PDB file of N, CA and C in Angstrom:
ATOM      1  N   MET A   1      17.673  -7.758  -9.751  1.00  0.00           N
ATOM      2  CA  MET A   1      16.058  -9.088 -10.553  1.00  0.00           C
ATOM      3  C   MET A   1      15.431  -8.294 -11.150  1.00  0.00           C
ATOM      4  N   MET A   2      14.782  -8.886 -12.549  1.00  0.00           N
ATOM      5  CA  MET A   2      14.122  -8.244 -13.460  1.00  0.00           C
ATOM      6  C   MET A   2      12.344  -8.434 -12.578  1.00  0.00           C
ATOM      7  N   MET A   3      11.091  -8.050 -12.425  1.00  0.00           N
ATOM      8  CA  MET A   3      10.312  -8.002 -12.924  1.00  0.00           C
ATOM      9  C   MET A   3       9.472  -7.007 -13.702  1.00  0.00           C
ATOM     10  N   ASN A   4       8.241  -7.664 -14.291  1.00  0.00           N
ATOM     11  CA  ASN A   4       7.147  -6.663 -14.548  1.00  0.00           C
ATOM     12  C   ASN A   4       6.021  -6.300 -15.222  1.00  0.00           C
ATOM     13  N   ASN A   5       5.551  -5.578 -14.909  1.00  0.00           N
ATOM     14  CA  ASN A   5       5.445  -4.789 -14.360  1.00  0.00           C
ATOM     15  C   ASN A   5       4.748  -4.367 -13.217  1.00  0.00           C
ATOM     16  N   LEU A   6       5.946  -3.455 -12.922  1.00  0.00           N
ATOM     17  CA  LEU A   6       6.286  -2.819 -11.805  1.00  0.00           C
ATOM     18  C   LEU A   6       5.137  -2.114 -11.213  1.00  0.00           C
ATOM     19  N   PRO A   7       4.495  -1.257 -10.378  1.00  0.00           N
ATOM     20  CA  PRO A   7       3.703  -0.803  -9.722  1.00  0.00           C
ATOM     21  C   PRO A   7       3.955   0.831 -10.237  1.00  0.00           C
ATOM     22  N   ASN A   8       4.828   1.358  -9.468  1.00  0.00           N
ATOM     23  CA  ASN A   8       5.522   2.081 -10.358  1.00  0.00           C
ATOM     24  C   ASN A   8       5.920   3.042 -11.424  1.00  0.00           C
ATOM     25  N   GLU A   9       5.376   1.961 -13.014  1.00  0.00           N
ATOM     26  CA  GLU A   9       5.964   2.313 -13.709  1.00  0.00           C
ATOM     27  C   GLU A   9       4.651   2.296 -15.020  1.00  0.00           C
ATOM     28  N   ASN A  10       4.741   4.214 -15.184  1.00  0.00           N
ATOM     29  CA  ASN A  10       3.390   4.342 -15.235  1.00  0.00           C
ATOM     30  C   ASN A  10       2.716   4.177 -14.293  1.00  0.00           C
ATOM     31  N   GLY A  11       2.328   4.127 -13.221  1.00  0.00           N
ATOM     32  CA  GLY A  11       1.262   4.117 -12.327  1.00  0.00           C
ATOM     33  C   GLY A  11       1.076   5.518 -10.885  1.00  0.00           C
ATOM     34  N   ILE A  12      -0.315   5.420 -10.251  1.00  0.00           N
ATOM     35  CA  ILE A  12       0.214   6.574  -9.554  1.00  0.00           C
ATOM     36  C   ILE A  12       0.861   6.386  -8.275  1.00  0.00           C
ATOM     37  N   ASN A  13       2.140   7.580  -7.966  1.00  0.00           N
ATOM     38  CA  ASN A  13       1.965   7.140  -5.929  1.00  0.00           C
ATOM     39  C   ASN A  13       0.947   7.398  -5.472  1.00  0.00           C
ATOM     40  N   LEU A  14       0.374   7.380  -4.043  1.00  0.00           N
ATOM     41  CA  LEU A  14      -0.243   7.764  -2.852  1.00  0.00           C
ATOM     42  C   LEU A  14      -0.170   9.063  -2.711  1.00  0.00           C
ATOM     43  N   LEU A  15       1.074   9.932  -3.240  1.00  0.00           N
ATOM     44  CA  LEU A  15       1.377  10.806  -2.388  1.00  0.00           C
ATOM     45  C   LEU A  15       0.877  12.327  -3.461  1.00  0.00           C
ATOM     46  N   ASP A  16       0.392  12.198  -5.001  1.00  0.00           N
ATOM     47  CA  ASP A  16       0.048  12.039  -5.848  1.00  0.00           C
ATOM     48  C   ASP A  16      -1.559  12.710  -5.899  1.00  0.00           C
ATOM     49  N   LEU A  17      -2.096  11.981  -5.580  1.00  0.00           N
ATOM     50  CA  LEU A  17      -3.617  11.950  -4.974  1.00  0.00           C
ATOM     51  C   LEU A  17      -4.003  11.819  -3.177  1.00  0.00           C
ATOM     52  N   PRO A  18      -5.814  12.346  -3.555  1.00  0.00           N
ATOM     53  CA  PRO A  18      -5.979  12.711  -2.363  1.00  0.00           C
ATOM     54  C   PRO A  18      -5.355  12.305  -0.733  1.00  0.00           C
ATOM     55  N   ASN A  19      -5.290  12.636   0.526  1.00  0.00           N
ATOM     56  CA  ASN A  19      -4.536  11.485   1.831  1.00  0.00           C
ATOM     57  C   ASN A  19      -5.327  10.317   1.906  1.00  0.00           C
ATOM     58  N   LYS A  20      -5.023   9.494   2.229  1.00  0.00           N
ATOM     59  CA  LYS A  20      -6.919   8.419   2.737  1.00  0.00           C
ATOM     60  C   LYS A  20      -6.105   7.709   4.462  1.00  0.00           C
ATOM     61  N   ARG A  21      -7.630   7.900   5.254  1.00  0.00           N
ATOM     62  CA  ARG A  21      -6.707   7.381   6.550  1.00  0.00           C
ATOM     63  C   ARG A  21      -8.123   5.702   6.493  1.00  0.00           C
ATOM     64  N   ILE A  22      -6.755   4.530   6.788  1.00  0.00           N
ATOM     65  CA  ILE A  22      -7.320   2.841   6.827  1.00  0.00           C
ATOM     66  C   ILE A  22      -8.345   3.028   7.984  1.00  0.00           C
ATOM     67  N   GLN A  23      -9.033   2.921   8.221  1.00  0.00           N
ATOM     68  CA  GLN A  23     -10.394   1.916   9.456  1.00  0.00           C
ATOM     69  C   GLN A  23      -9.475   0.265  10.309  1.00  0.00           C
ATOM     70  N   PHE A  24      -8.693   1.122  10.612  1.00  0.00           N
ATOM     71  CA  PHE A  24      -7.898   0.485  11.490  1.00  0.00           C
ATOM     72  C   PHE A  24      -8.527  -0.749  11.815  1.00  0.00           C
ATOM     73  N   ASP A  25      -9.883  -0.256  12.458  1.00  0.00           N
ATOM     74  CA  ASP A  25     -10.385  -2.183  12.691  1.00  0.00           C
ATOM     75  C   ASP A  25     -11.111  -2.514  11.750  1.00  0.00           C
ATOM     76  N   GLY A  26     -11.433  -2.042  10.647  1.00  0.00           N
ATOM     77  CA  GLY A  26     -11.617  -2.479   9.497  1.00  0.00           C
ATOM     78  C   GLY A  26     -10.560  -3.810   8.994  1.00  0.00           C
ATOM     79  N   PRO A  27     -11.641  -4.863   7.991  1.00  0.00           N
ATOM     80  CA  PRO A  27     -10.939  -5.713   6.922  1.00  0.00           C
ATOM     81  C   PRO A  27      -9.088  -5.003   5.960  1.00  0.00           C
ATOM     82  N   PHE A  28      -8.251  -5.858   6.710  1.00  0.00           N
ATOM     83  CA  PHE A  28      -6.813  -5.611   6.358  1.00  0.00           C
ATOM     84  C   PHE A  28      -5.796  -6.604   5.667  1.00  0.00           C
ATOM     85  N   PHE A  29      -5.368  -6.940   4.451  1.00  0.00           N
ATOM     86  CA  PHE A  29      -4.805  -7.842   3.869  1.00  0.00           C
ATOM     87  C   PHE A  29      -3.677  -7.717   2.948  1.00  0.00           C
ATOM     88  N   ILE A  30      -2.332  -8.486   3.053  1.00  0.00           N
ATOM     89  CA  ILE A  30      -2.122  -8.075   2.410  1.00  0.00           C
ATOM     90  C   ILE A  30      -1.151  -9.445   2.179  1.00  0.00           C
ATOM     91  N   SER A  31      -1.479  -9.225   0.382  1.00  0.00           N
ATOM     92  CA  SER A  31       0.277 -10.656  -0.394  1.00  0.00           C
ATOM     93  C   SER A  31       0.649 -10.038  -1.141  1.00  0.00           C
ATOM     94  N   CYS A  32       1.353 -11.444  -1.587  1.00  0.00           N
ATOM     95  CA  CYS A  32       2.021 -10.808  -2.777  1.00  0.00           C
ATOM     96  C   CYS A  32       2.432 -12.483  -3.364  1.00  0.00           C
ATOM     97  N   ALA A  33       2.648 -12.158  -4.706  1.00  0.00           N
ATOM     98  CA  ALA A  33       2.550 -12.966  -5.877  1.00  0.00           C
ATOM     99  C   ALA A  33       3.608 -13.283  -6.819  1.00  0.00           C
ATOM    100  N   LEU A  34       4.709 -12.380  -5.647  1.00  0.00           N
ATOM    101  CA  LEU A  34       5.969 -12.601  -6.340  1.00  0.00           C
ATOM    102  C   LEU A  34       6.613 -13.963  -6.079  1.00  0.00           C
ATOM    103  N   PRO A  35       7.892 -13.903  -7.095  1.00  0.00           N
ATOM    104  CA  PRO A  35       8.809 -15.647  -5.948  1.00  0.00           C
ATOM    105  C   PRO A  35       9.699 -15.703  -5.194  1.00  0.00           C
ATOM    106  N   GLN A  36      10.405 -15.035  -4.566  1.00  0.00           N
ATOM    107  CA  GLN A  36       9.855 -14.325  -2.635  1.00  0.00           C
ATOM    108  C   GLN A  36       9.286 -13.352  -2.273  1.00  0.00           C
ATOM    109  N   SER A  37       8.248 -13.994  -2.272  1.00  0.00           N
ATOM    110  CA  SER A  37       6.897 -13.747  -1.788  1.00  0.00           C
ATOM    111  C   SER A  37       7.624 -13.763  -0.010  1.00  0.00           C
ATOM    112  N   ASP A  38       7.442 -14.843   0.114  1.00  0.00           N
ATOM    113  CA  ASP A  38       8.313 -14.686   1.614  1.00  0.00           C
ATOM    114  C   ASP A  38       9.196 -14.429   2.559  1.00  0.00           C
ATOM    115  N   ASP A  39      10.032 -13.556   2.048  1.00  0.00           N
ATOM    116  CA  ASP A  39      11.372 -12.635   2.424  1.00  0.00           C
ATOM    117  C   ASP A  39      10.342 -11.260   2.226  1.00  0.00           C
ATOM    118  N   LEU A  40       9.603 -10.972   0.853  1.00  0.00           N
ATOM    119  CA  LEU A  40       8.710  -9.521   1.879  1.00  0.00           C
ATOM    120  C   LEU A  40       8.058  -9.518   2.650  1.00  0.00           C
ATOM    121  N   LEU A  41       6.823 -10.628   2.467  1.00  0.00           N
ATOM    122  CA  LEU A  41       5.436 -10.516   3.178  1.00  0.00           C
ATOM    123  C   LEU A  41       6.887 -10.471   5.153  1.00  0.00           C
ATOM    124  N   MET A  42       7.991 -11.081   5.414  1.00  0.00           N
ATOM    125  CA  MET A  42       8.097 -10.799   6.656  1.00  0.00           C
ATOM    126  C   MET A  42       8.735  -9.037   6.619  1.00  0.00           C
ATOM    127  N   HIS A  43       9.829  -8.659   5.521  1.00  0.00           N
ATOM    128  CA  HIS A  43      10.323  -7.219   5.170  1.00  0.00           C
ATOM    129  C   HIS A  43       8.774  -6.360   5.778  1.00  0.00           C
ATOM    130  N   CYS A  44       8.145  -6.668   5.187  1.00  0.00           N
ATOM    131  CA  CYS A  44       7.107  -5.487   5.774  1.00  0.00           C
ATOM    132  C   CYS A  44       5.943  -5.514   6.818  1.00  0.00           C
ATOM    133  N   GLN A  45       6.553  -6.192   6.855  1.00  0.00           N
ATOM    134  CA  GLN A  45       5.619  -6.251   8.540  1.00  0.00           C
ATOM    135  C   GLN A  45       5.947  -5.495   9.944  1.00  0.00           C
ATOM    136  N   SER A  46       7.063  -5.163   9.851  1.00  0.00           N
ATOM    137  CA  SER A  46       7.735  -3.506  10.784  1.00  0.00           C
ATOM    138  C   SER A  46       7.278  -2.671  10.618  1.00  0.00           C
ATOM    139  N   TYR A  47       6.872  -2.263   8.965  1.00  0.00           N
ATOM    140  CA  TYR A  47       6.498  -1.291   8.400  1.00  0.00           C
ATOM    141  C   TYR A  47       4.768  -1.275   8.553  1.00  0.00           C
ATOM    142  N   ILE A  48       4.162  -1.836   8.910  1.00  0.00           N
ATOM    143  CA  ILE A  48       2.851  -2.442   8.822  1.00  0.00           C
ATOM    144  C   ILE A  48       2.899  -2.597   9.781  1.00  0.00           C
ATOM    145  N   ASP A  49       3.074  -2.771  11.312  1.00  0.00           N
ATOM    146  CA  ASP A  49       3.198  -2.550  12.273  1.00  0.00           C
ATOM    147  C   ASP A  49       3.494  -0.881  12.594  1.00  0.00           C
ATOM    148  N   ASP A  50       4.165  -0.515  12.299  1.00  0.00           N
ATOM    149  CA  ASP A  50       4.658   0.818  12.677  1.00  0.00           C
ATOM    150  C   ASP A  50       3.695   1.952  12.516  1.00  0.00           C
ATOM    151  N   LEU A  51       2.927   1.178  10.796  1.00  0.00           N
ATOM    152  CA  LEU A  51       1.449   2.156  10.225  1.00  0.00           C
ATOM    153  C   LEU A  51       0.466   2.493  11.637  1.00  0.00           C
ATOM    154  N   PHE A  52       0.007   1.093  11.826  1.00  0.00           N
ATOM    155  CA  PHE A  52      -1.547   0.448  13.160  1.00  0.00           C
ATOM    156  C   PHE A  52      -0.915   1.085  14.297  1.00  0.00           C
ATOM    157  N   LYS A  53       0.453   0.769  14.697  1.00  0.00           N
ATOM    158  CA  LYS A  53       0.910   1.393  16.343  1.00  0.00           C
ATOM    159  C   LYS A  53       0.989   2.660  16.524  1.00  0.00           C
ATOM    160  N   HIS A  54       0.708   3.675  14.855  1.00  0.00           N
ATOM    161  CA  HIS A  54       0.695   5.189  14.726  1.00  0.00           C
ATOM    162  C   HIS A  54      -0.239   5.653  14.229  1.00  0.00           C
ATOM    163  N   ARG A  55      -1.538   5.114  13.445  1.00  0.00           N
ATOM    164  CA  ARG A  55      -2.417   4.902  13.305  1.00  0.00           C
ATOM    165  C   ARG A  55      -2.726   6.137  12.240  1.00  0.00           C
ATOM    166  N   LEU A  56      -0.847   6.056  11.380  1.00  0.00           N
ATOM    167  CA  LEU A  56      -0.614   6.883  10.123  1.00  0.00           C
ATOM    168  C   LEU A  56      -2.140   6.916   9.056  1.00  0.00           C
ATOM    169  N   SER A  57      -1.864   8.221   8.261  1.00  0.00           N
ATOM    170  CA  SER A  57      -2.765   8.181   7.064  1.00  0.00           C
ATOM    171  C   SER A  57      -1.471   7.478   5.470  1.00  0.00           C
ATOM    172  N   LEU A  58      -2.376   7.521   4.769  1.00  0.00           N
ATOM    173  CA  LEU A  58      -0.967   6.349   4.206  1.00  0.00           C
ATOM    174  C   LEU A  58      -0.525   7.711   3.544  1.00  0.00           C
ATOM    175  N   HIS A  59      -0.562   9.229   3.572  1.00  0.00           N
ATOM    176  CA  HIS A  59       0.659  10.107   3.549  1.00  0.00           C
ATOM    177  C   HIS A  59       1.732   9.986   4.447  1.00  0.00           C
ATOM    178  N   HIS A  60       1.377  10.046   5.929  1.00  0.00           N
ATOM    179  CA  HIS A  60       2.294  10.186   6.587  1.00  0.00           C
ATOM    180  C   HIS A  60       2.990   9.304   6.856  1.00  0.00           C
ATOM    181  N   PHE A  61       2.446   8.003   6.158  1.00  0.00           N
ATOM    182  CA  PHE A  61       3.093   6.810   6.485  1.00  0.00           C
ATOM    183  C   PHE A  61       3.455   7.509   5.377  1.00  0.00           C
ATOM    184  N   ALA A  62       3.844   7.055   3.781  1.00  0.00           N
ATOM    185  CA  ALA A  62       4.807   7.349   2.715  1.00  0.00           C
ATOM    186  C   ALA A  62       5.905   8.591   2.541  1.00  0.00           C
ATOM    187  N   GLU A  63       5.654   9.339   3.902  1.00  0.00           N
ATOM    188  CA  GLU A  63       6.700  10.416   3.809  1.00  0.00           C
ATOM    189  C   GLU A  63       7.587   9.775   5.259  1.00  0.00           C
ATOM    190  N   ARG A  64       7.120   9.161   5.775  1.00  0.00           N
ATOM    191  CA  ARG A  64       8.057   8.822   6.788  1.00  0.00           C
ATOM    192  C   ARG A  64       8.822   7.712   6.368  1.00  0.00           C
ATOM    193  N   TRP A  65       8.637   6.957   5.499  1.00  0.00           N
ATOM    194  CA  TRP A  65       9.201   5.842   4.941  1.00  0.00           C
ATOM    195  C   TRP A  65      10.505   5.739   3.980  1.00  0.00           C
ATOM    196  N   LYS A  66      10.246   6.943   2.798  1.00  0.00           N
ATOM    197  CA  LYS A  66      10.536   7.247   2.537  1.00  0.00           C
ATOM    198  C   LYS A  66      12.008   7.396   1.329  1.00  0.00           C
ATOM    199  N   ASP A  67      12.756   7.658   2.264  1.00  0.00           N
ATOM    200  CA  ASP A  67      14.088   7.748   2.782  1.00  0.00           C
ATOM    201  C   ASP A  67      14.241   6.267   3.100  1.00  0.00           C
ATOM    202  N   ASN A  68      13.579   5.032   3.382  1.00  0.00           N
ATOM    203  CA  ASN A  68      13.869   3.720   3.073  1.00  0.00           C
ATOM    204  C   ASN A  68      13.600   2.942   1.948  1.00  0.00           C
ATOM    205  N   GLY A  69      13.113   3.626   0.973  1.00  0.00           N
ATOM    206  CA  GLY A  69      12.864   3.029  -0.679  1.00  0.00           C
ATOM    207  C   GLY A  69      11.862   2.616  -0.479  1.00  0.00           C
ATOM    208  N   ILE A  70      10.740   3.250   0.413  1.00  0.00           N
ATOM    209  CA  ILE A  70       9.146   2.326   0.254  1.00  0.00           C
ATOM    210  C   ILE A  70       8.806   3.693  -0.249  1.00  0.00           C
ATOM    211  N   SER A  71       7.724   3.131  -1.267  1.00  0.00           N
ATOM    212  CA  SER A  71       6.537   3.965  -2.221  1.00  0.00           C
ATOM    213  C   SER A  71       5.509   3.361  -2.049  1.00  0.00           C
ATOM    214  N   LEU A  72       4.322   4.349  -1.523  1.00  0.00           N
ATOM    215  CA  LEU A  72       2.957   3.631  -2.422  1.00  0.00           C
ATOM    216  C   LEU A  72       2.057   4.159  -3.348  1.00  0.00           C
ATOM    217  N   TRP A  73       2.154   2.354  -4.495  1.00  0.00           N
ATOM    218  CA  TRP A  73       0.516   3.086  -5.659  1.00  0.00           C
ATOM    219  C   TRP A  73      -0.241   2.429  -5.721  1.00  0.00           C
ATOM    220  N   LEU A  74      -0.875   3.057  -6.071  1.00  0.00           N
ATOM    221  CA  LEU A  74      -2.398   2.588  -6.216  1.00  0.00           C
ATOM    222  C   LEU A  74      -2.244   1.657  -7.322  1.00  0.00           C
ATOM    223  N   ALA A  75      -3.270   0.769  -6.797  1.00  0.00           N
ATOM    224  CA  ALA A  75      -3.482  -0.485  -6.875  1.00  0.00           C
ATOM    225  C   ALA A  75      -3.968  -0.657  -8.253  1.00  0.00           C
ATOM    226  N   GLN A  76      -4.324   0.286  -9.490  1.00  0.00           N
ATOM    227  CA  GLN A  76      -5.540  -0.090 -10.582  1.00  0.00           C
ATOM    228  C   GLN A  76      -5.525  -0.703 -11.452  1.00  0.00           C
ATOM    229  N   ASP A  77      -4.874  -2.342 -10.805  1.00  0.00           N
ATOM    230  CA  ASP A  77      -5.260  -3.258 -11.847  1.00  0.00           C
ATOM    231  C   ASP A  77      -6.112  -4.326 -11.031  1.00  0.00           C
ATOM    232  N   VAL A  78      -6.646  -4.090  -9.960  1.00  0.00           N
ATOM    233  CA  VAL A  78      -6.487  -4.153  -9.030  1.00  0.00           C
ATOM    234  C   VAL A  78      -8.714  -4.883  -9.246  1.00  0.00           C
ATOM    235  N   LYS A  79      -9.223  -5.800  -9.521  1.00  0.00           N
ATOM    236  CA  LYS A  79     -10.505  -5.218  -9.504  1.00  0.00           C
ATOM    237  C   LYS A  79     -11.278  -5.370  -8.649  1.00  0.00           C
ATOM    238  N   ARG A  80     -12.729  -3.973  -7.899  1.00  0.00           N
ATOM    239  CA  ARG A  80     -13.248  -4.489  -6.700  1.00  0.00           C
ATOM    240  C   ARG A  80     -14.906  -4.482  -7.289  1.00  0.00           C
ATOM    241  N   SER A  81     -15.546  -5.402  -6.451  1.00  0.00           N
ATOM    242  CA  SER A  81     -16.882  -6.154  -6.762  1.00  0.00           C
ATOM    243  C   SER A  81     -17.645  -4.868  -6.071  1.00  0.00           C
ATOM    244  N   GLU A  82     -18.466  -5.032  -6.102  1.00  0.00           N
ATOM    245  CA  GLU A  82     -19.443  -4.034  -5.816  1.00  0.00           C
ATOM    246  C   GLU A  82     -19.309  -3.497  -3.982  1.00  0.00           C
ATOM    247  N   LEU A  83     -20.180  -5.207  -3.525  1.00  0.00           N
ATOM    248  CA  LEU A  83     -19.548  -4.900  -2.330  1.00  0.00           C
ATOM    249  C   LEU A  83     -18.616  -4.228  -1.493  1.00  0.00           C
ATOM    250  N   GLU A  84     -16.762  -4.611  -2.452  1.00  0.00           N
ATOM    251  CA  GLU A  84     -15.951  -3.550  -1.518  1.00  0.00           C
ATOM    252  C   GLU A  84     -16.116  -2.786  -1.798  1.00  0.00           C
ATOM    253  N   GLN A  85     -17.065  -2.063  -3.102  1.00  0.00           N
ATOM    254  CA  GLN A  85     -16.544  -0.184  -3.545  1.00  0.00           C
ATOM    255  C   GLN A  85     -18.290   0.018  -2.142  1.00  0.00           C
ATOM    256  N   GLN A  86     -19.072  -0.750  -2.028  1.00  0.00           N
ATOM    257  CA  GLN A  86     -19.775   0.209  -0.787  1.00  0.00           C
ATOM    258  C   GLN A  86     -19.293   0.353   0.444  1.00  0.00           C
ATOM    259  N   GLU A  87     -17.494  -1.112   0.840  1.00  0.00           N
ATOM    260  CA  GLU A  87     -17.144  -0.956   2.174  1.00  0.00           C
ATOM    261  C   GLU A  87     -15.913   0.259   2.109  1.00  0.00           C
ATOM    262  N   LYS A  88     -15.955   0.557   0.911  1.00  0.00           N
ATOM    263  CA  LYS A  88     -14.730   1.829   0.950  1.00  0.00           C
ATOM    264  C   LYS A  88     -13.551   0.871   1.114  1.00  0.00           C
ATOM    265  N   MET A  89     -13.760  -0.594   0.894  1.00  0.00           N
ATOM    266  CA  MET A  89     -11.897  -1.434   0.263  1.00  0.00           C
ATOM    267  C   MET A  89     -11.714  -0.521  -0.652  1.00  0.00           C
ATOM    268  N   PHE A  90     -10.457  -0.325  -0.545  1.00  0.00           N
ATOM    269  CA  PHE A  90      -8.998   0.668  -1.471  1.00  0.00           C
ATOM    270  C   PHE A  90      -7.709  -0.928  -0.875  1.00  0.00           C
ATOM    271  N   ALA A  91      -7.477  -0.607  -2.845  1.00  0.00           N
ATOM    272  CA  ALA A  91      -6.091  -1.076  -2.551  1.00  0.00           C
ATOM    273  C   ALA A  91      -4.734  -0.497  -3.315  1.00  0.00           C
ATOM    274  N   PHE A  92      -3.494  -0.596  -2.846  1.00  0.00           N
ATOM    275  CA  PHE A  92      -3.063  -0.126  -3.120  1.00  0.00           C
ATOM    276  C   PHE A  92      -1.218  -1.054  -2.760  1.00  0.00           C
ATOM    277  N   TYR A  93       0.380  -0.523  -3.419  1.00  0.00           N
ATOM    278  CA  TYR A  93       1.136  -1.545  -3.524  1.00  0.00           C
ATOM    279  C   TYR A  93       1.819  -1.056  -2.672  1.00  0.00           C
ATOM    280  N   MET A  94       2.738  -1.279  -1.419  1.00  0.00           N
ATOM    281  CA  MET A  94       3.599  -1.449  -0.738  1.00  0.00           C
ATOM    282  C   MET A  94       4.953  -1.603  -1.918  1.00  0.00           C
ATOM    283  N   MET A  95       5.840  -0.621  -2.641  1.00  0.00           N
ATOM    284  CA  MET A  95       6.739  -0.944  -3.156  1.00  0.00           C
ATOM    285  C   MET A  95       8.192  -0.812  -1.987  1.00  0.00           C
ATOM    286  N   PHE A  96       9.317  -1.608  -2.292  1.00  0.00           N
ATOM    287  CA  PHE A  96      10.379  -1.785  -1.458  1.00  0.00           C
ATOM    288  C   PHE A  96      11.674  -1.894  -2.504  1.00  0.00           C
ATOM    289  N   SER A  97      12.231  -0.577  -2.507  1.00  0.00           N
ATOM    290  CA  SER A  97      13.361  -0.376  -3.490  1.00  0.00           C
ATOM    291  C   SER A  97      14.722  -0.649  -2.532  1.00  0.00           C
ATOM    292  N   GLN A  98      15.269  -0.788  -1.134  1.00  0.00           N
ATOM    293  CA  GLN A  98      16.573  -0.382  -0.816  1.00  0.00           C
ATOM    294  C   GLN A  98      16.603  -2.345   0.141  1.00  0.00           C
ATOM    295  N   ASP A  99      17.372  -2.199   0.567  1.00  0.00           N
ATOM    296  CA  ASP A  99      17.590  -3.675   1.203  1.00  0.00           C
ATOM    297  C   ASP A  99      16.600  -5.184   0.287  1.00  0.00           C
ATOM    298  N   ILE A 100      15.856  -5.322   0.570  1.00  0.00           N
ATOM    299  CA  ILE A 100      14.618  -6.380  -0.574  1.00  0.00           C
ATOM    300  C   ILE A 100      14.372  -5.375  -1.878  1.00  0.00           C
ATOM    301  N   GLU A 101      14.126  -5.151  -2.880  1.00  0.00           N
ATOM    302  CA  GLU A 101      13.096  -5.346  -4.128  1.00  0.00           C
ATOM    303  C   GLU A 101      11.765  -5.832  -4.476  1.00  0.00           C
ATOM    304  N   GLY A 102      11.305  -5.339  -4.716  1.00  0.00           N
ATOM    305  CA  GLY A 102       9.595  -6.135  -4.542  1.00  0.00           C
ATOM    306  C   GLY A 102       8.183  -5.314  -3.955  1.00  0.00           C
ATOM    307  N   TYR A 103       7.141  -6.165  -3.888  1.00  0.00           N
ATOM    308  CA  TYR A 103       6.136  -5.218  -3.671  1.00  0.00           C
ATOM    309  C   TYR A 103       5.318  -6.170  -2.571  1.00  0.00           C
ATOM    310  N   VAL A 104       4.322  -5.807  -2.610  1.00  0.00           N
ATOM    311  CA  VAL A 104       3.748  -6.487  -1.647  1.00  0.00           C
ATOM    312  C   VAL A 104       1.739  -5.699  -2.018  1.00  0.00           C
ATOM    313  N   LEU A 105       1.020  -6.343  -2.513  1.00  0.00           N
ATOM    314  CA  LEU A 105      -0.282  -6.095  -2.394  1.00  0.00           C
ATOM    315  C   LEU A 105      -1.157  -5.917  -1.027  1.00  0.00           C
ATOM    316  N   VAL A 106      -0.993  -5.142  -1.190  1.00  0.00           N
ATOM    317  CA  VAL A 106      -2.052  -3.856   1.047  1.00  0.00           C
ATOM    318  C   VAL A 106      -4.226  -4.113   0.423  1.00  0.00           C
ATOM    319  N   GLN A 107      -5.084  -4.535   1.111  1.00  0.00           N
ATOM    320  CA  GLN A 107      -6.027  -4.420   0.522  1.00  0.00           C
ATOM    321  C   GLN A 107      -7.216  -3.813   2.147  1.00  0.00           C
ATOM    322  N   CYS A 108      -6.990  -2.767   2.283  1.00  0.00           N
ATOM    323  CA  CYS A 108      -7.509  -2.402   3.798  1.00  0.00           C
ATOM    324  C   CYS A 108      -9.452  -1.817   3.243  1.00  0.00           C
ATOM    325  N   GLN A 109      -9.678  -1.199   4.654  1.00  0.00           N
ATOM    326  CA  GLN A 109     -11.230  -0.412   4.670  1.00  0.00           C
ATOM    327  C   GLN A 109     -10.676   0.927   4.841  1.00  0.00           C
ATOM    328  N   LEU A 110     -11.328   2.468   3.711  1.00  0.00           N
ATOM    329  CA  LEU A 110     -10.943   3.606   3.922  1.00  0.00           C
ATOM    330  C   LEU A 110     -12.331   3.989   5.703  1.00  0.00           C
ATOM    331  N   GLU A 111     -11.201   4.309   6.034  1.00  0.00           N
ATOM    332  CA  GLU A 111     -12.129   5.353   7.207  1.00  0.00           C
ATOM    333  C   GLU A 111     -12.566   6.932   6.573  1.00  0.00           C
ATOM    334  N   SER A 112     -11.688   7.493   5.750  1.00  0.00           N
ATOM    335  CA  SER A 112     -12.111   8.766   5.212  1.00  0.00           C
ATOM    336  C   SER A 112     -10.475   9.390   4.392  1.00  0.00           C
ATOM    337  N   GLN A 113     -10.561  10.124   3.357  1.00  0.00           N
ATOM    338  CA  GLN A 113      -9.706  11.016   2.505  1.00  0.00           C
ATOM    339  C   GLN A 113     -10.035  12.122   2.285  1.00  0.00           C
ATOM    340  N   ASP A 114      -9.458  12.471   2.078  1.00  0.00           N
ATOM    341  CA  ASP A 114      -8.939  14.098   1.947  1.00  0.00           C
ATOM    342  C   ASP A 114      -9.570  14.960   0.980  1.00  0.00           C
ATOM    343  N   LEU A 115     -10.046  16.138   0.679  1.00  0.00           N
ATOM    344  CA  LEU A 115     -11.171  16.008  -1.011  1.00  0.00           C
ATOM    345  C   LEU A 115      -9.809  16.517  -1.515  1.00  0.00           C
ATOM    346  N   LEU A 116     -10.101  17.510  -3.204  1.00  0.00           N
ATOM    347  CA  LEU A 116      -9.393  17.261  -4.225  1.00  0.00           C
ATOM    348  C   LEU A 116      -9.435  19.020  -3.582  1.00  0.00           C
ATOM    349  N   GLN A 117      -7.660  19.883  -3.766  1.00  0.00           N
ATOM    350  CA  GLN A 117      -6.976  20.606  -3.243  1.00  0.00           C
ATOM    351  C   GLN A 117      -7.770  22.162  -4.556  1.00  0.00           C
TER     352      GLN A 117
END
């Protein structure tokens, strides 16, 4: 499958950034504009369910599922409004490299994030 502008090409893996925790009671959106979007959205559902069930931090989630070909990438191309910045909205790509290839965009509210060390 050919995809242009993959999130992991010159992107920033979330494991290379301070750990972030999602506000699980806040806004949470998933979208996909790829041709196989329905398949990708269905494929990611069980992983999102696991994220919410165990209330995982993004680092913990990425480590837990990396052997399944899942990686998380900063969505640097997603512009945020002033309101979204005030609400601590955060955007990242969940990328799949096994079973099905592609990615979905996740937008959510952050509860907290670790400091740089």
